[in-house]
Amino acid sequence: MFNNGRYFYAVFMCHLSIEKALKGLYSHVHNQVPPKTHNLLYLLTQIGKRPSPELERFITKLNTASVATRYPDDLAKIQADYTAKVTRELMTKSKEVLQWVKTQF
């Protein structure tokens, strides 16, 4: 998606990948099916683990971005906000969060 300039959707996939990773961690920690939610911060709270403050700030930012990508009122404006540079930075940070989640198993 990124390579084809579909930055808005690449950001959505960043959120989705972290959501699924956190749900996997939730399942590992609690030995039960995770709650039906897209809220990354809620999942972190329920898991009881916290990443570094830097990663937590990023997760907060991505969590907010996800609401806009899932329920866009002004799709054109939102798409304009996600340039190649912004999206690349979000993708890089998302990889860091995924690495952190892996260390929690």
PDB file of N, CA and C in Angstrom:
ATOM      1  N   MET A   1       0.824  -1.175   0.000  1.00  0.00           N
ATOM      2  CA  MET A   1       0.000   0.000   0.000  1.00  0.00           C
ATOM      3  C   MET A   1       0.877   1.251   0.000  1.00  0.00           C
ATOM      4  N   PHE A   2       1.915   1.229   0.826  1.00  0.00           N
ATOM      5  CA  PHE A   2       2.812   2.384   0.880  1.00  0.00           C
ATOM      6  C   PHE A   2       3.462   2.620  -0.483  1.00  0.00           C
ATOM      7  N   ASN A   3       3.950   1.565  -1.084  1.00  0.00           N
ATOM      8  CA  ASN A   3       4.647   1.698  -2.382  1.00  0.00           C
ATOM      9  C   ASN A   3       3.738   2.219  -3.483  1.00  0.00           C
ATOM     10  N   ASN A   4       2.454   2.043  -3.337  1.00  0.00           N
ATOM     11  CA  ASN A   4       1.498   2.532  -4.332  1.00  0.00           C
ATOM     12  C   ASN A   4       0.859   3.865  -3.940  1.00  0.00           C
ATOM     13  N   GLY A   5       1.408   4.499  -2.905  1.00  0.00           N
ATOM     14  CA  GLY A   5       0.910   5.809  -2.507  1.00  0.00           C
ATOM     15  C   GLY A   5      -0.390   5.795  -1.739  1.00  0.00           C
ATOM     16  N   ARG A   6      -0.765   4.657  -1.248  1.00  0.00           N
ATOM     17  CA  ARG A   6      -2.017   4.553  -0.479  1.00  0.00           C
ATOM     18  C   ARG A   6      -1.695   4.674   1.013  1.00  0.00           C
ATOM     19  N   TYR A   7      -1.207   5.840   1.373  1.00  0.00           N
ATOM     20  CA  TYR A   7      -0.672   6.075   2.712  1.00  0.00           C
ATOM     21  C   TYR A   7      -1.721   5.933   3.802  1.00  0.00           C
ATOM     22  N   PHE A   8      -2.883   6.444   3.542  1.00  0.00           N
ATOM     23  CA  PHE A   8      -4.003   6.364   4.473  1.00  0.00           C
ATOM     24  C   PHE A   8      -4.251   4.914   4.883  1.00  0.00           C
ATOM     25  N   TYR A   9      -4.219   4.026   3.922  1.00  0.00           N
ATOM     26  CA  TYR A   9      -4.475   2.607   4.186  1.00  0.00           C
ATOM     27  C   TYR A   9      -3.273   1.935   4.845  1.00  0.00           C
ATOM     28  N   ALA A  10      -2.070   2.406   4.532  1.00  0.00           N
ATOM     29  CA  ALA A  10      -0.875   1.885   5.192  1.00  0.00           C
ATOM     30  C   ALA A  10      -0.916   2.193   6.688  1.00  0.00           C
ATOM     31  N   VAL A  11      -1.370   3.383   7.039  1.00  0.00           N
ATOM     32  CA  VAL A  11      -1.513   3.758   8.450  1.00  0.00           C
ATOM     33  C   VAL A  11      -2.554   2.863   9.119  1.00  0.00           C
ATOM     34  N   PHE A  12      -3.645   2.628   8.435  1.00  0.00           N
ATOM     35  CA  PHE A  12      -4.680   1.741   8.973  1.00  0.00           C
ATOM     36  C   PHE A  12      -4.100   0.349   9.249  1.00  0.00           C
ATOM     37  N   MET A  13      -3.269  -0.153   8.343  1.00  0.00           N
ATOM     38  CA  MET A  13      -2.664  -1.476   8.520  1.00  0.00           C
ATOM     39  C   MET A  13      -1.659  -1.485   9.664  1.00  0.00           C
ATOM     40  N   CYS A  14      -0.987  -0.362   9.908  1.00  0.00           N
ATOM     41  CA  CYS A  14      -0.093  -0.262  11.071  1.00  0.00           C
ATOM     42  C   CYS A  14      -0.902  -0.470  12.346  1.00  0.00           C
ATOM     43  N   HIS A  15      -2.019   0.234  12.435  1.00  0.00           N
ATOM     44  CA  HIS A  15      -2.875   0.088  13.613  1.00  0.00           C
ATOM     45  C   HIS A  15      -3.376  -1.346  13.729  1.00  0.00           C
ATOM     46  N   LEU A  16      -3.824  -1.894  12.641  1.00  0.00           N
ATOM     47  CA  LEU A  16      -4.382  -3.243  12.657  1.00  0.00           C
ATOM     48  C   LEU A  16      -3.343  -4.278  13.100  1.00  0.00           C
ATOM     49  N   SER A  17      -2.114  -4.145  12.623  1.00  0.00           N
ATOM     50  CA  SER A  17      -1.085  -5.117  12.997  1.00  0.00           C
ATOM     51  C   SER A  17      -0.761  -5.033  14.487  1.00  0.00           C
ATOM     52  N   ILE A  18      -0.703  -3.825  15.018  1.00  0.00           N
ATOM     53  CA  ILE A  18      -0.433  -3.670  16.448  1.00  0.00           C
ATOM     54  C   ILE A  18      -1.626  -4.167  17.261  1.00  0.00           C
ATOM     55  N   GLU A  19      -2.819  -3.877  16.798  1.00  0.00           N
ATOM     56  CA  GLU A  19      -4.021  -4.371  17.483  1.00  0.00           C
ATOM     57  C   GLU A  19      -3.995  -5.891  17.587  1.00  0.00           C
ATOM     58  N   LYS A  20      -3.690  -6.559  16.483  1.00  0.00           N
ATOM     59  CA  LYS A  20      -3.678  -8.024  16.486  1.00  0.00           C
ATOM     60  C   LYS A  20      -2.561  -8.565  17.370  1.00  0.00           C
ATOM     61  N   ALA A  21      -1.407  -7.896  17.351  1.00  0.00           N
ATOM     62  CA  ALA A  21      -0.297  -8.335  18.207  1.00  0.00           C
ATOM     63  C   ALA A  21      -0.671  -8.191  19.682  1.00  0.00           C
ATOM     64  N   LEU A  22      -1.289  -7.064  20.038  1.00  0.00           N
ATOM     65  CA  LEU A  22      -1.708  -6.861  21.427  1.00  0.00           C
ATOM     66  C   LEU A  22      -2.791  -7.853  21.831  1.00  0.00           C
ATOM     67  N   LYS A  23      -3.665  -8.185  20.922  1.00  0.00           N
ATOM     68  CA  LYS A  23      -4.696  -9.182  21.236  1.00  0.00           C
ATOM     69  C   LYS A  23      -4.064 -10.559  21.434  1.00  0.00           C
ATOM     70  N   GLY A  24      -3.028 -10.852  20.661  1.00  0.00           N
ATOM     71  CA  GLY A  24      -2.295 -12.100  20.870  1.00  0.00           C
ATOM     72  C   GLY A  24      -1.631 -12.126  22.237  1.00  0.00           C
ATOM     73  N   LEU A  25      -1.048 -11.002  22.632  1.00  0.00           N
ATOM     74  CA  LEU A  25      -0.426 -10.897  23.950  1.00  0.00           C
ATOM     75  C   LEU A  25      -1.481 -11.000  25.049  1.00  0.00           C
ATOM     76  N   TYR A  26      -2.613 -10.360  24.839  1.00  0.00           N
ATOM     77  CA  TYR A  26      -3.721 -10.449  25.799  1.00  0.00           C
ATOM     78  C   TYR A  26      -4.105 -11.915  25.998  1.00  0.00           C
ATOM     79  N   SER A  27      -4.260 -12.624  24.913  1.00  0.00           N
ATOM     80  CA  SER A  27      -4.643 -14.038  24.968  1.00  0.00           C
ATOM     81  C   SER A  27      -3.579 -14.854  25.713  1.00  0.00           C
ATOM     82  N   HIS A  28      -2.322 -14.522  25.479  1.00  0.00           N
ATOM     83  CA  HIS A  28      -1.219 -15.211  26.146  1.00  0.00           C
ATOM     84  C   HIS A  28      -1.229 -14.939  27.651  1.00  0.00           C
ATOM     85  N   VAL A  29      -1.423 -13.693  28.029  1.00  0.00           N
ATOM     86  CA  VAL A  29      -1.390 -13.285  29.437  1.00  0.00           C
ATOM     87  C   VAL A  29      -2.599 -13.816  30.204  1.00  0.00           C
ATOM     88  N   HIS A  30      -3.781 -13.711  29.610  1.00  0.00           N
ATOM     89  CA  HIS A  30      -5.019 -14.052  30.322  1.00  0.00           C
ATOM     90  C   HIS A  30      -5.582 -15.434  29.975  1.00  0.00           C
ATOM     91  N   ASN A  31      -4.994 -16.064  28.971  1.00  0.00           N
ATOM     92  CA  ASN A  31      -5.462 -17.379  28.534  1.00  0.00           C
ATOM     93  C   ASN A  31      -6.957 -17.364  28.202  1.00  0.00           C
ATOM     94  N   GLN A  32      -7.371 -16.310  27.515  1.00  0.00           N
ATOM     95  CA  GLN A  32      -8.762 -16.193  27.069  1.00  0.00           C
ATOM     96  C   GLN A  32      -8.826 -15.312  25.825  1.00  0.00           C
ATOM     97  N   VAL A  33      -9.959 -15.341  25.189  1.00  0.00           N
ATOM     98  CA  VAL A  33     -10.181 -14.547  23.981  1.00  0.00           C
ATOM     99  C   VAL A  33     -10.150 -13.065  24.351  1.00  0.00           C
ATOM    100  N   PRO A  34      -9.433 -12.253  23.575  1.00  0.00           N
ATOM    101  CA  PRO A  34      -9.364 -10.819  23.893  1.00  0.00           C
ATOM    102  C   PRO A  34     -10.691 -10.119  23.633  1.00  0.00           C
ATOM    103  N   PRO A  35     -10.879  -8.959  24.259  1.00  0.00           N
ATOM    104  CA  PRO A  35     -12.124  -8.216  24.048  1.00  0.00           C
ATOM    105  C   PRO A  35     -12.230  -7.697  22.619  1.00  0.00           C
ATOM    106  N   LYS A  36     -13.450  -7.501  22.172  1.00  0.00           N
ATOM    107  CA  LYS A  36     -13.690  -6.954  20.834  1.00  0.00           C
ATOM    108  C   LYS A  36     -13.560  -5.435  20.918  1.00  0.00           C
ATOM    109  N   THR A  37     -12.379  -4.958  20.608  1.00  0.00           N
ATOM    110  CA  THR A  37     -12.103  -3.531  20.658  1.00  0.00           C
ATOM    111  C   THR A  37     -11.001  -3.197  19.659  1.00  0.00           C
ATOM    112  N   HIS A  38     -10.972  -1.954  19.228  1.00  0.00           N
ATOM    113  CA  HIS A  38      -9.888  -1.461  18.373  1.00  0.00           C
ATOM    114  C   HIS A  38      -8.984  -0.519  19.158  1.00  0.00           C
ATOM    115  N   ASN A  39      -9.296  -0.331  20.438  1.00  0.00           N
ATOM    116  CA  ASN A  39      -8.588   0.635  21.268  1.00  0.00           C
ATOM    117  C   ASN A  39      -7.286   0.033  21.796  1.00  0.00           C
ATOM    118  N   LEU A  40      -6.175   0.506  21.258  1.00  0.00           N
ATOM    119  CA  LEU A  40      -4.864  -0.017  21.634  1.00  0.00           C
ATOM    120  C   LEU A  40      -4.533   0.288  23.091  1.00  0.00           C
ATOM    121  N   LEU A  41      -4.910   1.460  23.555  1.00  0.00           N
ATOM    122  CA  LEU A  41      -4.615   1.837  24.937  1.00  0.00           C
ATOM    123  C   LEU A  41      -5.398   0.977  25.918  1.00  0.00           C
ATOM    124  N   TYR A  42      -6.632   0.677  25.582  1.00  0.00           N
ATOM    125  CA  TYR A  42      -7.443  -0.204  26.422  1.00  0.00           C
ATOM    126  C   TYR A  42      -6.794  -1.590  26.501  1.00  0.00           C
ATOM    127  N   LEU A  43      -6.335  -2.089  25.366  1.00  0.00           N
ATOM    128  CA  LEU A  43      -5.687  -3.404  25.358  1.00  0.00           C
ATOM    129  C   LEU A  43      -4.435  -3.399  26.227  1.00  0.00           C
ATOM    130  N   LEU A  44      -3.632  -2.355  26.113  1.00  0.00           N
ATOM    131  CA  LEU A  44      -2.430  -2.264  26.953  1.00  0.00           C
ATOM    132  C   LEU A  44      -2.793  -2.286  28.431  1.00  0.00           C
ATOM    133  N   THR A  45      -3.808  -1.539  28.790  1.00  0.00           N
ATOM    134  CA  THR A  45      -4.247  -1.488  30.191  1.00  0.00           C
ATOM    135  C   THR A  45      -4.688  -2.873  30.654  1.00  0.00           C
ATOM    136  N   GLN A  46      -5.445  -3.556  29.833  1.00  0.00           N
ATOM    137  CA  GLN A  46      -5.941  -4.884  30.202  1.00  0.00           C
ATOM    138  C   GLN A  46      -4.818  -5.909  30.288  1.00  0.00           C
ATOM    139  N   ILE A  47      -3.793  -5.740  29.484  1.00  0.00           N
ATOM    140  CA  ILE A  47      -2.659  -6.665  29.500  1.00  0.00           C
ATOM    141  C   ILE A  47      -1.799  -6.434  30.741  1.00  0.00           C
ATOM    142  N   GLY A  48      -1.741  -5.167  31.181  1.00  0.00           N
ATOM    143  CA  GLY A  48      -0.961  -4.848  32.363  1.00  0.00           C
ATOM    144  C   GLY A  48       0.521  -4.673  32.093  1.00  0.00           C
ATOM    145  N   LYS A  49       0.873  -4.396  30.856  1.00  0.00           N
ATOM    146  CA  LYS A  49       2.276  -4.157  30.488  1.00  0.00           C
ATOM    147  C   LYS A  49       2.367  -2.808  29.806  1.00  0.00           C
ATOM    148  N   ARG A  50       3.500  -2.129  30.029  1.00  0.00           N
ATOM    149  CA  ARG A  50       3.663  -0.799  29.441  1.00  0.00           C
ATOM    150  C   ARG A  50       4.979  -0.722  28.696  1.00  0.00           C
ATOM    151  N   PRO A  51       4.926  -0.214  27.475  1.00  0.00           N
ATOM    152  CA  PRO A  51       6.173   0.012  26.741  1.00  0.00           C
ATOM    153  C   PRO A  51       6.853   1.276  27.266  1.00  0.00           C
ATOM    154  N   SER A  52       7.951   1.635  26.656  1.00  0.00           N
ATOM    155  CA  SER A  52       8.649   2.868  27.024  1.00  0.00           C
ATOM    156  C   SER A  52       7.699   4.050  26.824  1.00  0.00           C
ATOM    157  N   PRO A  53       7.950   5.155  27.519  1.00  0.00           N
ATOM    158  CA  PRO A  53       7.090   6.332  27.324  1.00  0.00           C
ATOM    159  C   PRO A  53       7.030   6.784  25.860  1.00  0.00           C
ATOM    160  N   GLU A  54       8.127   6.672  25.155  1.00  0.00           N
ATOM    161  CA  GLU A  54       8.140   7.059  23.734  1.00  0.00           C
ATOM    162  C   GLU A  54       7.185   6.188  22.921  1.00  0.00           C
ATOM    163  N   LEU A  55       7.256   4.880  23.120  1.00  0.00           N
ATOM    164  CA  LEU A  55       6.359   3.984  22.383  1.00  0.00           C
ATOM    165  C   LEU A  55       4.918   4.160  22.828  1.00  0.00           C
ATOM    166  N   GLU A  56       4.718   4.441  24.090  1.00  0.00           N
ATOM    167  CA  GLU A  56       3.351   4.653  24.571  1.00  0.00           C
ATOM    168  C   GLU A  56       2.742   5.912  23.940  1.00  0.00           C
ATOM    169  N   ARG A  57       3.546   6.959  23.793  1.00  0.00           N
ATOM    170  CA  ARG A  57       3.058   8.180  23.123  1.00  0.00           C
ATOM    171  C   ARG A  57       2.705   7.876  21.671  1.00  0.00           C
ATOM    172  N   PHE A  58       3.547   7.070  21.024  1.00  0.00           N
ATOM    173  CA  PHE A  58       3.255   6.701  19.642  1.00  0.00           C
ATOM    174  C   PHE A  58       1.958   5.900  19.550  1.00  0.00           C
ATOM    175  N   ILE A  59       1.774   4.948  20.442  1.00  0.00           N
ATOM    176  CA  ILE A  59       0.549   4.134  20.437  1.00  0.00           C
ATOM    177  C   ILE A  59      -0.670   5.024  20.634  1.00  0.00           C
ATOM    178  N   THR A  60      -0.558   6.008  21.498  1.00  0.00           N
ATOM    179  CA  THR A  60      -1.649   6.966  21.709  1.00  0.00           C
ATOM    180  C   THR A  60      -1.958   7.708  20.414  1.00  0.00           C
ATOM    181  N   LYS A  61      -0.926   8.149  19.731  1.00  0.00           N
ATOM    182  CA  LYS A  61      -1.093   8.861  18.454  1.00  0.00           C
ATOM    183  C   LYS A  61      -1.736   7.953  17.407  1.00  0.00           C
ATOM    184  N   LEU A  62      -1.250   6.728  17.307  1.00  0.00           N
ATOM    185  CA  LEU A  62      -1.799   5.795  16.322  1.00  0.00           C
ATOM    186  C   LEU A  62      -3.235   5.421  16.675  1.00  0.00           C
ATOM    187  N   ASN A  63      -3.524   5.296  17.946  1.00  0.00           N
ATOM    188  CA  ASN A  63      -4.873   4.982  18.390  1.00  0.00           C
ATOM    189  C   ASN A  63      -5.846   6.065  17.939  1.00  0.00           C
ATOM    190  N   THR A  64      -5.443   7.313  18.068  1.00  0.00           N
ATOM    191  CA  THR A  64      -6.262   8.447  17.626  1.00  0.00           C
ATOM    192  C   THR A  64      -6.418   8.443  16.108  1.00  0.00           C
ATOM    193  N   ALA A  65      -5.344   8.132  15.402  1.00  0.00           N
ATOM    194  CA  ALA A  65      -5.389   8.090  13.932  1.00  0.00           C
ATOM    195  C   ALA A  65      -6.346   7.014  13.450  1.00  0.00           C
ATOM    196  N   SER A  66      -6.424   5.933  14.177  1.00  0.00           N
ATOM    197  CA  SER A  66      -7.279   4.829  13.745  1.00  0.00           C
ATOM    198  C   SER A  66      -8.745   5.213  13.710  1.00  0.00           C
ATOM    199  N   VAL A  67      -9.171   6.019  14.658  1.00  0.00           N
ATOM    200  CA  VAL A  67     -10.574   6.447  14.668  1.00  0.00           C
ATOM    201  C   VAL A  67     -10.882   7.171  13.365  1.00  0.00           C
ATOM    202  N   ALA A  68      -9.966   8.032  12.948  1.00  0.00           N
ATOM    203  CA  ALA A  68     -10.167   8.778  11.703  1.00  0.00           C
ATOM    204  C   ALA A  68     -10.154   7.862  10.483  1.00  0.00           C
ATOM    205  N   THR A  69      -9.295   6.854  10.482  1.00  0.00           N
ATOM    206  CA  THR A  69      -9.241   5.977   9.317  1.00  0.00           C
ATOM    207  C   THR A  69     -10.425   5.025   9.253  1.00  0.00           C
ATOM    208  N   ARG A  70     -10.968   4.663  10.405  1.00  0.00           N
ATOM    209  CA  ARG A  70     -12.123   3.759  10.416  1.00  0.00           C
ATOM    210  C   ARG A  70     -13.431   4.487  10.139  1.00  0.00           C
ATOM    211  N   TYR A  71     -13.519   5.719  10.608  1.00  0.00           N
ATOM    212  CA  TYR A  71     -14.765   6.461  10.501  1.00  0.00           C
ATOM    213  C   TYR A  71     -14.506   7.869   9.952  1.00  0.00           C
ATOM    214  N   PRO A  72     -14.061   7.954   8.717  1.00  0.00           N
ATOM    215  CA  PRO A  72     -13.670   9.269   8.185  1.00  0.00           C
ATOM    216  C   PRO A  72     -14.860  10.158   7.835  1.00  0.00           C
ATOM    217  N   ASP A  73     -14.887  11.340   8.433  1.00  0.00           N
ATOM    218  CA  ASP A  73     -15.901  12.323   8.075  1.00  0.00           C
ATOM    219  C   ASP A  73     -15.448  13.114   6.852  1.00  0.00           C
ATOM    220  N   ASP A  74     -14.165  13.373   6.780  1.00  0.00           N
ATOM    221  CA  ASP A  74     -13.601  14.153   5.683  1.00  0.00           C
ATOM    222  C   ASP A  74     -12.408  13.391   5.115  1.00  0.00           C
ATOM    223  N   LEU A  75     -12.693  12.406   4.299  1.00  0.00           N
ATOM    224  CA  LEU A  75     -11.672  11.501   3.776  1.00  0.00           C
ATOM    225  C   LEU A  75     -10.562  12.245   3.042  1.00  0.00           C
ATOM    226  N   ALA A  76     -10.891  13.226   2.239  1.00  0.00           N
ATOM    227  CA  ALA A  76      -9.871  13.941   1.462  1.00  0.00           C
ATOM    228  C   ALA A  76      -8.873  14.649   2.382  1.00  0.00           C
ATOM    229  N   LYS A  77      -9.360  15.280   3.438  1.00  0.00           N
ATOM    230  CA  LYS A  77      -8.459  15.981   4.365  1.00  0.00           C
ATOM    231  C   LYS A  77      -7.567  14.982   5.096  1.00  0.00           C
ATOM    232  N   ILE A  78      -8.147  13.898   5.547  1.00  0.00           N
ATOM    233  CA  ILE A  78      -7.384  12.886   6.272  1.00  0.00           C
ATOM    234  C   ILE A  78      -6.300  12.301   5.377  1.00  0.00           C
ATOM    235  N   GLN A  79      -6.649  12.010   4.137  1.00  0.00           N
ATOM    236  CA  GLN A  79      -5.665  11.450   3.215  1.00  0.00           C
ATOM    237  C   GLN A  79      -4.521  12.426   2.980  1.00  0.00           C
ATOM    238  N   ALA A  80      -4.812  13.705   2.938  1.00  0.00           N
ATOM    239  CA  ALA A  80      -3.772  14.717   2.728  1.00  0.00           C
ATOM    240  C   ALA A  80      -2.814  14.787   3.913  1.00  0.00           C
ATOM    241  N   ASP A  81      -3.273  14.449   5.100  1.00  0.00           N
ATOM    242  CA  ASP A  81      -2.429  14.483   6.297  1.00  0.00           C
ATOM    243  C   ASP A  81      -1.357  13.393   6.280  1.00  0.00           C
ATOM    244  N   TYR A  82      -1.615  12.303   5.591  1.00  0.00           N
ATOM    245  CA  TYR A  82      -0.682  11.179   5.579  1.00  0.00           C
ATOM    246  C   TYR A  82       0.166  11.204   4.320  1.00  0.00           C
ATOM    247  N   THR A  83       1.243  11.974   4.399  1.00  0.00           N
ATOM    248  CA  THR A  83       2.202  12.049   3.299  1.00  0.00           C
ATOM    249  C   THR A  83       3.112  10.834   3.362  1.00  0.00           C
ATOM    250  N   ALA A  84       3.959  10.693   2.364  1.00  0.00           N
ATOM    251  CA  ALA A  84       4.919   9.582   2.361  1.00  0.00           C
ATOM    252  C   ALA A  84       5.824   9.661   3.584  1.00  0.00           C
ATOM    253  N   LYS A  85       6.288  10.855   3.903  1.00  0.00           N
ATOM    254  CA  LYS A  85       7.196  11.023   5.043  1.00  0.00           C
ATOM    255  C   LYS A  85       6.510  10.652   6.354  1.00  0.00           C
ATOM    256  N   VAL A  86       5.327  11.177   6.579  1.00  0.00           N
ATOM    257  CA  VAL A  86       4.581  10.896   7.814  1.00  0.00           C
ATOM    258  C   VAL A  86       4.290   9.403   7.925  1.00  0.00           C
ATOM    259  N   THR A  87       3.849   8.821   6.840  1.00  0.00           N
ATOM    260  CA  THR A  87       3.497   7.398   6.847  1.00  0.00           C
ATOM    261  C   THR A  87       4.724   6.528   7.085  1.00  0.00           C
ATOM    262  N   ARG A  88       5.839   6.878   6.475  1.00  0.00           N
ATOM    263  CA  ARG A  88       7.075   6.108   6.678  1.00  0.00           C
ATOM    264  C   ARG A  88       7.472   6.136   8.163  1.00  0.00           C
ATOM    265  N   GLU A  89       7.355   7.304   8.793  1.00  0.00           N
ATOM    266  CA  GLU A  89       7.674   7.417  10.225  1.00  0.00           C
ATOM    267  C   GLU A  89       6.735   6.559  11.068  1.00  0.00           C
ATOM    268  N   LEU A  90       5.451   6.573  10.723  1.00  0.00           N
ATOM    269  CA  LEU A  90       4.484   5.744  11.452  1.00  0.00           C
ATOM    270  C   LEU A  90       4.787   4.256  11.279  1.00  0.00           C
ATOM    271  N   MET A  91       5.190   3.878  10.091  1.00  0.00           N
ATOM    272  CA  MET A  91       5.524   2.481   9.837  1.00  0.00           C
ATOM    273  C   MET A  91       6.758   2.059  10.632  1.00  0.00           C
ATOM    274  N   THR A  92       7.742   2.925  10.697  1.00  0.00           N
ATOM    275  CA  THR A  92       8.956   2.621  11.451  1.00  0.00           C
ATOM    276  C   THR A  92       8.647   2.436  12.934  1.00  0.00           C
ATOM    277  N   LYS A  93       7.872   3.348  13.490  1.00  0.00           N
ATOM    278  CA  LYS A  93       7.498   3.248  14.906  1.00  0.00           C
ATOM    279  C   LYS A  93       6.612   2.021  15.159  1.00  0.00           C
ATOM    280  N   SER A  94       5.756   1.711  14.201  1.00  0.00           N
ATOM    281  CA  SER A  94       4.894   0.530  14.354  1.00  0.00           C
ATOM    282  C   SER A  94       5.746  -0.727  14.465  1.00  0.00           C
ATOM    283  N   LYS A  95       6.797  -0.802  13.688  1.00  0.00           N
ATOM    284  CA  LYS A  95       7.706  -1.960  13.758  1.00  0.00           C
ATOM    285  C   LYS A  95       8.360  -2.043  15.133  1.00  0.00           C
ATOM    286  N   GLU A  96       8.692  -0.895  15.714  1.00  0.00           N
ATOM    287  CA  GLU A  96       9.274  -0.882  17.062  1.00  0.00           C
ATOM    288  C   GLU A  96       8.273  -1.411  18.085  1.00  0.00           C
ATOM    289  N   VAL A  97       7.025  -1.014  17.947  1.00  0.00           N
ATOM    290  CA  VAL A  97       5.992  -1.506  18.874  1.00  0.00           C
ATOM    291  C   VAL A  97       5.833  -3.015  18.711  1.00  0.00           C
ATOM    292  N   LEU A  98       5.812  -3.499  17.490  1.00  0.00           N
ATOM    293  CA  LEU A  98       5.673  -4.937  17.263  1.00  0.00           C
ATOM    294  C   LEU A  98       6.848  -5.704  17.862  1.00  0.00           C
ATOM    295  N   GLN A  99       8.050  -5.137  17.758  1.00  0.00           N
ATOM    296  CA  GLN A  99       9.219  -5.771  18.374  1.00  0.00           C
ATOM    297  C   GLN A  99       9.054  -5.816  19.893  1.00  0.00           C
ATOM    298  N   TRP A 100       8.555  -4.727  20.475  1.00  0.00           N
ATOM    299  CA  TRP A 100       8.334  -4.691  21.922  1.00  0.00           C
ATOM    300  C   TRP A 100       7.318  -5.761  22.326  1.00  0.00           C
ATOM    301  N   VAL A 101       6.226  -5.869  21.582  1.00  0.00           N
ATOM    302  CA  VAL A 101       5.212  -6.875  21.910  1.00  0.00           C
ATOM    303  C   VAL A 101       5.838  -8.273  21.906  1.00  0.00           C
ATOM    304  N   LYS A 102       6.668  -8.561  20.935  1.00  0.00           N
ATOM    305  CA  LYS A 102       7.316  -9.880  20.859  1.00  0.00           C
ATOM    306  C   LYS A 102       8.134 -10.174  22.108  1.00  0.00           C
ATOM    307  N   THR A 103       8.748  -9.142  22.683  1.00  0.00           N
ATOM    308  CA  THR A 103       9.583  -9.372  23.874  1.00  0.00           C
ATOM    309  C   THR A 103       8.754  -9.660  25.115  1.00  0.00           C
ATOM    310  N   GLN A 104       7.455  -9.428  25.048  1.00  0.00           N
ATOM    311  CA  GLN A 104       6.583  -9.598  26.209  1.00  0.00           C
ATOM    312  C   GLN A 104       6.036 -11.027  26.352  1.00  0.00           C
ATOM    313  N   PHE A 105       6.298 -11.864  25.359  1.00  0.00           N
ATOM    314  CA  PHE A 105       5.809 -13.248  25.433  1.00  0.00           C
ATOM    315  C   PHE A 105       6.749 -14.100  26.261  1.00  0.00           C
TER     316      PHE A 105
END
